[in-house]
């Protein structure tokens, strides 16, 4: 018997993304701002350039800057600050 789970998270992952997606390159904790209480790196509606830092993922006490792979406008932020993310998990949608 194979038990199929429909958790909120797996249902959210099925959301259709029409733009370019910035994915997490590793497993860790995502930080959307450079430090606690600071303004987020990017928000919905912000224009980003290729190579611009959009978040940080902490893995094994190392802070890894996540850069945009695209030029465009952030249309969706798909994670919350300090959320645990998986390898390949979508973080942002850019159109």
PDB file of N, CA and C in Angstrom:
ATOM      1  N   UNK A   1       0.831  -1.186   0.000  1.00  0.00           N
ATOM      2  CA  UNK A   1       0.000   0.000   0.000  1.00  0.00           C
ATOM      3  C   UNK A   1       0.873   1.245   0.000  1.00  0.00           C
ATOM      4  N   UNK A   2       0.523   2.182  -0.850  1.00  0.00           N
ATOM      5  CA  UNK A   2       1.231   3.455  -0.890  1.00  0.00           C
ATOM      6  C   UNK A   2       0.273   4.525  -0.389  1.00  0.00           C
ATOM      7  N   UNK A   3       0.675   5.180   0.672  1.00  0.00           N
ATOM      8  CA  UNK A   3      -0.164   6.232   1.236  1.00  0.00           C
ATOM      9  C   UNK A   3       0.236   7.564   0.622  1.00  0.00           C
ATOM     10  N   UNK A   4      -0.726   8.256   0.041  1.00  0.00           N
ATOM     11  CA  UNK A   4      -0.436   9.543  -0.567  1.00  0.00           C
ATOM     12  C   UNK A   4      -0.885  10.647   0.387  1.00  0.00           C
ATOM     13  N   UNK A   5       0.033  11.551   0.685  1.00  0.00           N
ATOM     14  CA  UNK A   5      -0.296  12.642   1.592  1.00  0.00           C
ATOM     15  C   UNK A   5      -0.540  13.912   0.795  1.00  0.00           C
ATOM     16  N   UNK A   6      -1.572  14.613   1.135  1.00  0.00           N
ATOM     17  CA  UNK A   6      -1.840  15.912   0.518  1.00  0.00           C
ATOM     18  C   UNK A   6      -1.682  16.977   1.594  1.00  0.00           C
ATOM     19  N   UNK A   7      -0.448  17.320   1.891  1.00  0.00           N
ATOM     20  CA  UNK A   7      -0.212  18.367   2.883  1.00  0.00           C
ATOM     21  C   UNK A   7      -0.383  19.717   2.202  1.00  0.00           C
ATOM     22  N   UNK A   8      -0.569  20.749   3.011  1.00  0.00           N
ATOM     23  CA  UNK A   8      -0.692  22.097   2.446  1.00  0.00           C
ATOM     24  C   UNK A   8       0.523  22.429   1.597  1.00  0.00           C
ATOM     25  N   UNK A   9       1.697  22.039   2.079  1.00  0.00           N
ATOM     26  CA  UNK A   9       2.930  22.357   1.359  1.00  0.00           C
ATOM     27  C   UNK A   9       2.945  21.737  -0.030  1.00  0.00           C
ATOM     28  N   UNK A  10       2.557  20.464  -0.149  1.00  0.00           N
ATOM     29  CA  UNK A  10       2.592  19.824  -1.460  1.00  0.00           C
ATOM     30  C   UNK A  10       1.538  20.429  -2.389  1.00  0.00           C
ATOM     31  N   UNK A  11       0.425  20.874  -1.815  1.00  0.00           N
ATOM     32  CA  UNK A  11      -0.605  21.521  -2.638  1.00  0.00           C
ATOM     33  C   UNK A  11      -0.105  22.884  -3.114  1.00  0.00           C
ATOM     34  N   UNK A  12       0.561  23.640  -2.228  1.00  0.00           N
ATOM     35  CA  UNK A  12       1.107  24.943  -2.615  1.00  0.00           C
ATOM     36  C   UNK A  12       2.134  24.790  -3.730  1.00  0.00           C
ATOM     37  N   UNK A  13       2.934  23.737  -3.676  1.00  0.00           N
ATOM     38  CA  UNK A  13       3.977  23.540  -4.679  1.00  0.00           C
ATOM     39  C   UNK A  13       3.386  23.354  -6.074  1.00  0.00           C
ATOM     40  N   UNK A  14       2.115  22.980  -6.150  1.00  0.00           N
ATOM     41  CA  UNK A  14       1.488  22.754  -7.451  1.00  0.00           C
ATOM     42  C   UNK A  14       0.977  24.046  -8.077  1.00  0.00           C
ATOM     43  N   UNK A  15       1.163  25.180  -7.368  1.00  0.00           N
ATOM     44  CA  UNK A  15       0.756  26.472  -7.899  1.00  0.00           C
ATOM     45  C   UNK A  15       1.493  26.700  -9.226  1.00  0.00           C
ATOM     46  N   UNK A  16       0.776  27.162 -10.215  1.00  0.00           N
ATOM     47  CA  UNK A  16       1.362  27.346 -11.541  1.00  0.00           C
ATOM     48  C   UNK A  16       2.189  28.627 -11.563  1.00  0.00           C
ATOM     49  N   UNK A  17       3.454  28.486 -11.960  1.00  0.00           N
ATOM     50  CA  UNK A  17       4.349  29.627 -12.061  1.00  0.00           C
ATOM     51  C   UNK A  17       4.593  29.905 -13.535  1.00  0.00           C
ATOM     52  N   UNK A  18       4.242  31.110 -13.978  1.00  0.00           N
ATOM     53  CA  UNK A  18       4.319  31.421 -15.405  1.00  0.00           C
ATOM     54  C   UNK A  18       5.598  32.154 -15.781  1.00  0.00           C
ATOM     55  N   UNK A  19       6.274  32.764 -14.813  1.00  0.00           N
ATOM     56  CA  UNK A  19       7.493  33.519 -15.098  1.00  0.00           C
ATOM     57  C   UNK A  19       8.724  32.674 -14.876  1.00  0.00           C
ATOM     58  N   UNK A  20       9.883  33.350 -14.849  1.00  0.00           N
ATOM     59  CA  UNK A  20      11.138  32.687 -14.514  1.00  0.00           C
ATOM     60  C   UNK A  20      11.161  32.452 -13.013  1.00  0.00           C
ATOM     61  N   UNK A  21      11.658  31.301 -12.597  1.00  0.00           N
ATOM     62  CA  UNK A  21      11.644  30.942 -11.183  1.00  0.00           C
ATOM     63  C   UNK A  21      13.076  30.862 -10.662  1.00  0.00           C
ATOM     64  N   UNK A  22      13.302  31.517  -9.520  1.00  0.00           N
ATOM     65  CA  UNK A  22      14.587  31.406  -8.823  1.00  0.00           C
ATOM     66  C   UNK A  22      14.399  30.317  -7.778  1.00  0.00           C
ATOM     67  N   UNK A  23      15.175  29.239  -7.902  1.00  0.00           N
ATOM     68  CA  UNK A  23      15.073  28.089  -7.003  1.00  0.00           C
ATOM     69  C   UNK A  23      16.215  28.091  -5.997  1.00  0.00           C
ATOM     70  N   UNK A  24      15.995  27.425  -4.879  1.00  0.00           N
ATOM     71  CA  UNK A  24      17.048  27.268  -3.881  1.00  0.00           C
ATOM     72  C   UNK A  24      18.072  26.253  -4.385  1.00  0.00           C
ATOM     73  N   UNK A  25      19.349  26.621  -4.389  1.00  0.00           N
ATOM     74  CA  UNK A  25      20.377  25.676  -4.841  1.00  0.00           C
ATOM     75  C   UNK A  25      20.799  24.680  -3.772  1.00  0.00           C
ATOM     76  N   UNK A  26      20.248  24.808  -2.551  1.00  0.00           N
ATOM     77  CA  UNK A  26      20.627  23.901  -1.477  1.00  0.00           C
ATOM     78  C   UNK A  26      19.557  23.863  -0.397  1.00  0.00           C
ATOM     79  N   UNK A  27      19.694  22.904   0.508  1.00  0.00           N
ATOM     80  CA  UNK A  27      18.791  22.760   1.650  1.00  0.00           C
ATOM     81  C   UNK A  27      19.300  23.672   2.755  1.00  0.00           C
ATOM     82  N   UNK A  28      18.390  24.389   3.393  1.00  0.00           N
ATOM     83  CA  UNK A  28      18.813  25.245   4.497  1.00  0.00           C
ATOM     84  C   UNK A  28      17.695  26.152   4.943  1.00  0.00           C
ATOM     85  N   UNK A  29      18.056  27.212   5.658  1.00  0.00           N
ATOM     86  CA  UNK A  29      17.098  28.201   6.147  1.00  0.00           C
ATOM     87  C   UNK A  29      17.244  29.453   5.290  1.00  0.00           C
ATOM     88  N   UNK A  30      16.117  29.922   4.752  1.00  0.00           N
ATOM     89  CA  UNK A  30      16.165  31.097   3.879  1.00  0.00           C
ATOM     90  C   UNK A  30      15.955  32.363   4.710  1.00  0.00           C
ATOM     91  N   UNK A  31      16.746  33.377   4.381  1.00  0.00           N
ATOM     92  CA  UNK A  31      16.601  34.699   4.994  1.00  0.00           C
ATOM     93  C   UNK A  31      16.338  35.687   3.876  1.00  0.00           C
ATOM     94  N   UNK A  32      15.228  36.425   3.999  1.00  0.00           N
ATOM     95  CA  UNK A  32      14.826  37.357   2.943  1.00  0.00           C
ATOM     96  C   UNK A  32      15.395  38.754   3.147  1.00  0.00           C
ATOM     97  N   UNK A  33      16.073  38.990   4.279  1.00  0.00           N
ATOM     98  CA  UNK A  33      16.698  40.275   4.570  1.00  0.00           C
ATOM     99  C   UNK A  33      18.129  40.032   5.053  1.00  0.00           C
ATOM    100  N   UNK A  34      19.007  41.031   4.907  1.00  0.00           N
ATOM    101  CA  UNK A  34      20.408  40.831   5.305  1.00  0.00           C
ATOM    102  C   UNK A  34      20.612  40.636   6.806  1.00  0.00           C
ATOM    103  N   UNK A  35      19.694  41.187   7.618  1.00  0.00           N
ATOM    104  CA  UNK A  35      19.755  40.973   9.061  1.00  0.00           C
ATOM    105  C   UNK A  35      18.372  41.196   9.658  1.00  0.00           C
ATOM    106  N   UNK A  36      18.195  40.741  10.888  1.00  0.00           N
ATOM    107  CA  UNK A  36      16.894  40.860  11.543  1.00  0.00           C
ATOM    108  C   UNK A  36      16.481  42.328  11.632  1.00  0.00           C
ATOM    109  N   UNK A  37      15.250  42.618  11.236  1.00  0.00           N
ATOM    110  CA  UNK A  37      14.740  43.973  11.298  1.00  0.00           C
ATOM    111  C   UNK A  37      15.072  44.831  10.086  1.00  0.00           C
ATOM    112  N   UNK A  38      15.909  44.312   9.195  1.00  0.00           N
ATOM    113  CA  UNK A  38      16.297  45.070   8.001  1.00  0.00           C
ATOM    114  C   UNK A  38      15.249  44.903   6.901  1.00  0.00           C
ATOM    115  N   UNK A  39      15.303  45.797   5.920  1.00  0.00           N
ATOM    116  CA  UNK A  39      14.402  45.729   4.770  1.00  0.00           C
ATOM    117  C   UNK A  39      14.760  44.486   3.940  1.00  0.00           C
ATOM    118  N   UNK A  40      13.761  43.763   3.411  1.00  0.00           N
ATOM    119  CA  UNK A  40      14.055  42.581   2.585  1.00  0.00           C
ATOM    120  C   UNK A  40      14.912  42.939   1.363  1.00  0.00           C
ATOM    121  N   UNK A  41      15.687  41.950   0.883  1.00  0.00           N
ATOM    122  CA  UNK A  41      16.490  42.148  -0.325  1.00  0.00           C
ATOM    123  C   UNK A  41      15.597  42.578  -1.485  1.00  0.00           C
ATOM    124  N   UNK A  42      14.489  41.844  -1.686  1.00  0.00           N
ATOM    125  CA  UNK A  42      13.530  42.177  -2.745  1.00  0.00           C
ATOM    126  C   UNK A  42      12.116  41.909  -2.258  1.00  0.00           C
ATOM    127  N   UNK A  43      11.152  42.637  -2.844  1.00  0.00           N
ATOM    128  CA  UNK A  43       9.741  42.452  -2.549  1.00  0.00           C
ATOM    129  C   UNK A  43       8.992  42.391  -3.873  1.00  0.00           C
ATOM    130  N   UNK A  44       7.740  41.949  -3.812  1.00  0.00           N
ATOM    131  CA  UNK A  44       6.904  41.918  -5.011  1.00  0.00           C
ATOM    132  C   UNK A  44       6.858  43.324  -5.604  1.00  0.00           C
ATOM    133  N   UNK A  45       7.083  43.402  -6.916  1.00  0.00           N
ATOM    134  CA  UNK A  45       7.072  44.689  -7.613  1.00  0.00           C
ATOM    135  C   UNK A  45       8.457  45.274  -7.827  1.00  0.00           C
ATOM    136  N   UNK A  46       9.470  44.750  -7.115  1.00  0.00           N
ATOM    137  CA  UNK A  46      10.837  45.248  -7.293  1.00  0.00           C
ATOM    138  C   UNK A  46      11.433  44.751  -8.610  1.00  0.00           C
ATOM    139  N   UNK A  47      12.228  45.611  -9.242  1.00  0.00           N
ATOM    140  CA  UNK A  47      12.962  45.215 -10.445  1.00  0.00           C
ATOM    141  C   UNK A  47      14.299  44.635  -9.990  1.00  0.00           C
ATOM    142  N   UNK A  48      14.661  43.461 -10.549  1.00  0.00           N
ATOM    143  CA  UNK A  48      15.942  42.831 -10.212  1.00  0.00           C
ATOM    144  C   UNK A  48      16.783  42.681 -11.471  1.00  0.00           C
ATOM    145  N   UNK A  49      18.092  42.691 -11.274  1.00  0.00           N
ATOM    146  CA  UNK A  49      19.044  42.480 -12.357  1.00  0.00           C
ATOM    147  C   UNK A  49      19.711  41.121 -12.155  1.00  0.00           C
ATOM    148  N   UNK A  50      20.129  40.509 -13.239  1.00  0.00           N
ATOM    149  CA  UNK A  50      20.846  39.240 -13.152  1.00  0.00           C
ATOM    150  C   UNK A  50      22.081  39.441 -12.266  1.00  0.00           C
ATOM    151  N   UNK A  51      22.258  38.544 -11.291  1.00  0.00           N
ATOM    152  CA  UNK A  51      23.393  38.629 -10.374  1.00  0.00           C
ATOM    153  C   UNK A  51      23.095  39.375  -9.081  1.00  0.00           C
ATOM    154  N   UNK A  52      21.918  39.998  -8.981  1.00  0.00           N
ATOM    155  CA  UNK A  52      21.540  40.722  -7.770  1.00  0.00           C
ATOM    156  C   UNK A  52      21.160  39.737  -6.668  1.00  0.00           C
ATOM    157  N   UNK A  53      21.624  39.981  -5.450  1.00  0.00           N
ATOM    158  CA  UNK A  53      21.282  39.116  -4.312  1.00  0.00           C
ATOM    159  C   UNK A  53      19.818  39.313  -3.959  1.00  0.00           C
ATOM    160  N   UNK A  54      19.065  38.199  -3.889  1.00  0.00           N
ATOM    161  CA  UNK A  54      17.636  38.251  -3.571  1.00  0.00           C
ATOM    162  C   UNK A  54      17.317  37.605  -2.221  1.00  0.00           C
ATOM    163  N   UNK A  55      18.236  36.787  -1.705  1.00  0.00           N
ATOM    164  CA  UNK A  55      18.021  36.109  -0.420  1.00  0.00           C
ATOM    165  C   UNK A  55      19.338  35.474   0.018  1.00  0.00           C
ATOM    166  N   UNK A  56      19.324  34.927   1.223  1.00  0.00           N
ATOM    167  CA  UNK A  56      20.459  34.163   1.752  1.00  0.00           C
ATOM    168  C   UNK A  56      19.906  32.825   2.221  1.00  0.00           C
ATOM    169  N   UNK A  57      20.619  31.734   1.921  1.00  0.00           N
ATOM    170  CA  UNK A  57      20.254  30.432   2.476  1.00  0.00           C
ATOM    171  C   UNK A  57      21.404  29.985   3.373  1.00  0.00           C
ATOM    172  N   UNK A  58      21.072  29.743   4.657  1.00  0.00           N
ATOM    173  CA  UNK A  58      22.064  29.267   5.608  1.00  0.00           C
ATOM    174  C   UNK A  58      22.058  27.747   5.603  1.00  0.00           C
ATOM    175  N   UNK A  59      23.228  27.193   5.371  1.00  0.00           N
ATOM    176  CA  UNK A  59      23.382  25.736   5.390  1.00  0.00           C
ATOM    177  C   UNK A  59      24.660  25.418   6.161  1.00  0.00           C
ATOM    178  N   UNK A  60      24.539  24.645   7.193  1.00  0.00           N
ATOM    179  CA  UNK A  60      25.681  24.250   8.027  1.00  0.00           C
ATOM    180  C   UNK A  60      26.485  25.472   8.481  1.00  0.00           C
ATOM    181  N   UNK A  61      25.774  26.480   8.968  1.00  0.00           N
ATOM    182  CA  UNK A  61      26.346  27.719   9.508  1.00  0.00           C
ATOM    183  C   UNK A  61      27.054  28.587   8.459  1.00  0.00           C
ATOM    184  N   UNK A  62      26.914  28.246   7.177  1.00  0.00           N
ATOM    185  CA  UNK A  62      27.460  29.078   6.102  1.00  0.00           C
ATOM    186  C   UNK A  62      26.323  29.863   5.463  1.00  0.00           C
ATOM    187  N   UNK A  63      26.549  31.152   5.251  1.00  0.00           N
ATOM    188  CA  UNK A  63      25.548  32.001   4.613  1.00  0.00           C
ATOM    189  C   UNK A  63      25.833  32.051   3.107  1.00  0.00           C
ATOM    190  N   UNK A  64      24.895  31.549   2.315  1.00  0.00           N
ATOM    191  CA  UNK A  64      25.058  31.479   0.862  1.00  0.00           C
ATOM    192  C   UNK A  64      24.124  32.493   0.206  1.00  0.00           C
ATOM    193  N   UNK A  65      24.714  33.459  -0.501  1.00  0.00           N
ATOM    194  CA  UNK A  65      23.900  34.462  -1.186  1.00  0.00           C
ATOM    195  C   UNK A  65      23.222  33.824  -2.391  1.00  0.00           C
ATOM    196  N   UNK A  66      21.927  34.071  -2.538  1.00  0.00           N
ATOM    197  CA  UNK A  66      21.167  33.580  -3.685  1.00  0.00           C
ATOM    198  C   UNK A  66      20.991  34.762  -4.637  1.00  0.00           C
ATOM    199  N   UNK A  67      21.468  34.602  -5.860  1.00  0.00           N
ATOM    200  CA  UNK A  67      21.409  35.680  -6.840  1.00  0.00           C
ATOM    201  C   UNK A  67      20.345  35.392  -7.877  1.00  0.00           C
ATOM    202  N   UNK A  68      19.763  36.461  -8.413  1.00  0.00           N
ATOM    203  CA  UNK A  68      18.791  36.320  -9.489  1.00  0.00           C
ATOM    204  C   UNK A  68      19.504  35.840 -10.744  1.00  0.00           C
ATOM    205  N   UNK A  69      18.880  34.920 -11.446  1.00  0.00           N
ATOM    206  CA  UNK A  69      19.430  34.419 -12.710  1.00  0.00           C
ATOM    207  C   UNK A  69      18.841  35.195 -13.887  1.00  0.00           C
ATOM    208  N   UNK A  70      17.944  36.158 -13.576  1.00  0.00           N
ATOM    209  CA  UNK A  70      17.205  36.855 -14.626  1.00  0.00           C
ATOM    210  C   UNK A  70      17.111  38.345 -14.333  1.00  0.00           C
ATOM    211  N   UNK A  71      16.898  39.149 -15.383  1.00  0.00           N
ATOM    212  CA  UNK A  71      16.465  40.536 -15.236  1.00  0.00           C
ATOM    213  C   UNK A  71      14.943  40.503 -15.255  1.00  0.00           C
ATOM    214  N   UNK A  72      14.297  41.329 -14.461  1.00  0.00           N
ATOM    215  CA  UNK A  72      12.838  41.374 -14.502  1.00  0.00           C
ATOM    216  C   UNK A  72      12.250  41.970 -13.248  1.00  0.00           C
ATOM    217  N   UNK A  73      10.959  41.727 -13.066  1.00  0.00           N
ATOM    218  CA  UNK A  73      10.224  42.243 -11.911  1.00  0.00           C
ATOM    219  C   UNK A  73       9.764  41.055 -11.064  1.00  0.00           C
ATOM    220  N   UNK A  74       9.972  41.142  -9.754  1.00  0.00           N
ATOM    221  CA  UNK A  74       9.534  40.092  -8.835  1.00  0.00           C
ATOM    222  C   UNK A  74       8.007  40.113  -8.776  1.00  0.00           C
ATOM    223  N   UNK A  75       7.387  38.991  -9.172  1.00  0.00           N
ATOM    224  CA  UNK A  75       5.922  38.908  -9.155  1.00  0.00           C
ATOM    225  C   UNK A  75       5.406  38.094  -7.974  1.00  0.00           C
ATOM    226  N   UNK A  76       6.244  37.200  -7.434  1.00  0.00           N
ATOM    227  CA  UNK A  76       5.826  36.399  -6.278  1.00  0.00           C
ATOM    228  C   UNK A  76       7.034  36.088  -5.402  1.00  0.00           C
ATOM    229  N   UNK A  77       6.820  36.159  -4.083  1.00  0.00           N
ATOM    230  CA  UNK A  77       7.779  35.649  -3.110  1.00  0.00           C
ATOM    231  C   UNK A  77       7.133  34.385  -2.574  1.00  0.00           C
ATOM    232  N   UNK A  78       7.757  33.247  -2.814  1.00  0.00           N
ATOM    233  CA  UNK A  78       7.125  31.951  -2.558  1.00  0.00           C
ATOM    234  C   UNK A  78       7.501  31.310  -1.223  1.00  0.00           C
ATOM    235  N   UNK A  79       8.333  32.002  -0.432  1.00  0.00           N
ATOM    236  CA  UNK A  79       8.751  31.480   0.874  1.00  0.00           C
ATOM    237  C   UNK A  79       8.636  32.585   1.914  1.00  0.00           C
ATOM    238  N   UNK A  80       8.655  32.178   3.169  1.00  0.00           N
ATOM    239  CA  UNK A  80       8.642  33.135   4.268  1.00  0.00           C
ATOM    240  C   UNK A  80      10.026  33.205   4.884  1.00  0.00           C
ATOM    241  N   UNK A  81      10.334  34.345   5.504  1.00  0.00           N
ATOM    242  CA  UNK A  81      11.623  34.519   6.154  1.00  0.00           C
ATOM    243  C   UNK A  81      11.835  33.442   7.217  1.00  0.00           C
ATOM    244  N   UNK A  82      13.044  32.903   7.268  1.00  0.00           N
ATOM    245  CA  UNK A  82      13.475  31.868   8.215  1.00  0.00           C
ATOM    246  C   UNK A  82      12.784  30.527   8.001  1.00  0.00           C
ATOM    247  N   UNK A  83      12.202  30.327   6.826  1.00  0.00           N
ATOM    248  CA  UNK A  83      11.582  29.043   6.479  1.00  0.00           C
ATOM    249  C   UNK A  83      12.678  28.066   6.041  1.00  0.00           C
ATOM    250  N   UNK A  84      12.512  26.799   6.360  1.00  0.00           N
ATOM    251  CA  UNK A  84      13.426  25.770   5.869  1.00  0.00           C
ATOM    252  C   UNK A  84      13.052  25.466   4.422  1.00  0.00           C
ATOM    253  N   UNK A  85      14.056  25.463   3.542  1.00  0.00           N
ATOM    254  CA  UNK A  85      13.804  25.200   2.123  1.00  0.00           C
ATOM    255  C   UNK A  85      14.567  23.962   1.678  1.00  0.00           C
ATOM    256  N   UNK A  86      14.039  23.328   0.647  1.00  0.00           N
ATOM    257  CA  UNK A  86      14.639  22.136   0.077  1.00  0.00           C
ATOM    258  C   UNK A  86      15.437  22.498  -1.171  1.00  0.00           C
ATOM    259  N   UNK A  87      16.293  21.593  -1.599  1.00  0.00           N
ATOM    260  CA  UNK A  87      17.020  21.783  -2.855  1.00  0.00           C
ATOM    261  C   UNK A  87      16.017  21.884  -4.001  1.00  0.00           C
ATOM    262  N   UNK A  88      16.158  22.899  -4.827  1.00  0.00           N
ATOM    263  CA  UNK A  88      15.288  23.058  -5.984  1.00  0.00           C
ATOM    264  C   UNK A  88      13.947  23.706  -5.694  1.00  0.00           C
ATOM    265  N   UNK A  89      13.680  24.037  -4.433  1.00  0.00           N
ATOM    266  CA  UNK A  89      12.383  24.651  -4.088  1.00  0.00           C
ATOM    267  C   UNK A  89      12.302  26.067  -4.656  1.00  0.00           C
ATOM    268  N   UNK A  90      11.189  26.403  -5.304  1.00  0.00           N
ATOM    269  CA  UNK A  90      11.024  27.762  -5.835  1.00  0.00           C
ATOM    270  C   UNK A  90      11.003  28.803  -4.710  1.00  0.00           C
ATOM    271  N   UNK A  91      11.778  29.883  -4.896  1.00  0.00           N
ATOM    272  CA  UNK A  91      11.837  30.960  -3.905  1.00  0.00           C
ATOM    273  C   UNK A  91      11.114  32.213  -4.392  1.00  0.00           C
ATOM    274  N   UNK A  92      11.348  32.556  -5.671  1.00  0.00           N
ATOM    275  CA  UNK A  92      10.791  33.776  -6.251  1.00  0.00           C
ATOM    276  C   UNK A  92      10.359  33.509  -7.684  1.00  0.00           C
ATOM    277  N   UNK A  93       9.365  34.270  -8.138  1.00  0.00           N
ATOM    278  CA  UNK A  93       8.998  34.265  -9.555  1.00  0.00           C
ATOM    279  C   UNK A  93       9.330  35.648 -10.087  1.00  0.00           C
ATOM    280  N   UNK A  94      10.009  35.683 -11.243  1.00  0.00           N
ATOM    281  CA  UNK A  94      10.425  36.937 -11.876  1.00  0.00           C
ATOM    282  C   UNK A  94       9.902  36.942 -13.304  1.00  0.00           C
ATOM    283  N   UNK A  95       9.236  38.030 -13.704  1.00  0.00           N
ATOM    284  CA  UNK A  95       8.738  38.130 -15.085  1.00  0.00           C
ATOM    285  C   UNK A  95       9.405  39.287 -15.785  1.00  0.00           C
TER     286      UNK A  95
END
